[in-house]
Amino acid sequence: MLLEVAGLARSTFFYHQTRFLAPDPQVDLKTAVTEIFEKNYGRYGHRRIHTELVKQGWTIAKKTVLKVMRSLRC
């Protein structure tokens, strides 16, 4: 009944429910970014953190690092 009132399909509800309960696929990346950021006393931006991640063997774009940092509020 609530879905009818909200005007949502059942499939939309179940899609968002499973997406909400799924584990975060970027957990390792977020921990690596946080470690680098804290190790350098919060002075590194997304460019320097990207460089450090590449040195550690990550294959990742600068904009992805920027998005992760924004989501973490670094």
Protein backbone atom coordinates (compact mmCIF):
# COMPACT_ATOMS: atom_id res chain seq x y z
CA MET A 1 0.00 0.00 0.00
CA LEU A 2 2.84 2.41 0.80
CA LEU A 3 4.35 1.83 -2.63
CA GLU A 4 1.07 2.75 -4.27
CA VAL A 5 0.84 5.95 -2.25
CA ALA A 6 4.44 6.83 -3.10
CA GLY A 7 3.94 5.88 -6.74
CA LEU A 8 6.83 3.41 -6.79
CA ALA A 9 7.02 0.01 -8.41
CA ARG A 10 7.78 -3.04 -6.27
CA SER A 11 10.89 -3.73 -8.31
CA THR A 12 12.26 -0.27 -7.47
CA PHE A 13 11.78 -0.91 -3.77
CA PHE A 14 13.53 -4.28 -3.86
CA TYR A 15 16.34 -2.91 -6.04
CA HIS A 16 17.13 -0.19 -3.52
CA GLN A 17 16.74 -2.55 -0.60
CA THR A 18 19.32 -5.00 -1.95
CA ARG A 19 21.63 -2.17 -2.96
CA PHE A 20 21.45 -0.72 0.55
CA LEU A 21 22.28 -4.07 2.16
CA ALA A 22 25.16 -4.89 -0.22
CA PRO A 23 28.73 -4.43 1.05
CA ASP A 24 30.68 -1.40 -0.12
CA PRO A 25 32.91 -2.37 -3.08
CA GLN A 26 35.36 0.47 -2.37
CA VAL A 27 36.24 -0.42 1.22
CA ASP A 28 39.88 -1.21 0.42
CA LEU A 29 40.29 1.99 -1.58
CA LYS A 30 38.72 4.11 1.15
CA THR A 31 41.02 2.65 3.80
CA ALA A 32 44.09 3.21 1.61
CA VAL A 33 43.09 6.83 0.93
CA THR A 34 42.42 7.44 4.62
CA GLU A 35 45.76 5.93 5.65
CA ILE A 36 47.71 8.07 3.16
CA PHE A 37 45.78 11.19 4.15
CA GLU A 38 46.32 10.69 7.89
CA LYS A 39 49.96 9.60 7.46
CA ASN A 40 50.67 12.98 5.86
CA TYR A 41 48.81 14.97 8.52
CA GLY A 42 45.91 15.87 6.24
CA ARG A 43 48.05 17.88 3.87
CA TYR A 44 47.75 15.74 0.74
CA GLY A 45 45.15 16.45 -1.90
CA HIS A 46 43.70 14.10 -4.47
CA ARG A 47 46.64 14.46 -6.86
CA ARG A 48 49.28 13.47 -4.31
CA ILE A 49 47.12 10.69 -2.92
CA HIS A 50 46.59 9.40 -6.47
CA THR A 51 50.37 9.37 -6.98
CA GLU A 52 50.88 7.44 -3.74
CA LEU A 53 48.19 4.92 -4.70
CA VAL A 54 49.83 4.36 -8.09
CA LYS A 55 53.16 3.79 -6.32
CA GLN A 56 51.41 1.16 -4.18
CA GLY A 57 50.14 -0.62 -7.29
CA TRP A 58 46.59 0.68 -7.61
CA THR A 59 45.15 1.34 -11.06
CA ILE A 60 42.77 4.21 -10.49
CA ALA A 61 41.80 7.55 -11.99
CA LYS A 62 42.42 10.89 -10.27
CA LYS A 63 38.74 11.75 -10.41
CA THR A 64 37.85 8.52 -8.62
CA VAL A 65 40.25 9.46 -5.82
CA LEU A 66 38.64 12.90 -5.71
CA LYS A 67 35.14 11.40 -5.43
CA VAL A 68 36.24 9.05 -2.67
CA MET A 69 37.88 11.88 -0.77
CA ARG A 70 34.75 14.00 -1.07
CA SER A 71 32.62 11.13 0.24
CA LEU A 72 35.03 10.69 3.17
CA ARG A 73 35.19 14.47 3.76
CA CYS A 74 39.00 14.45 3.64
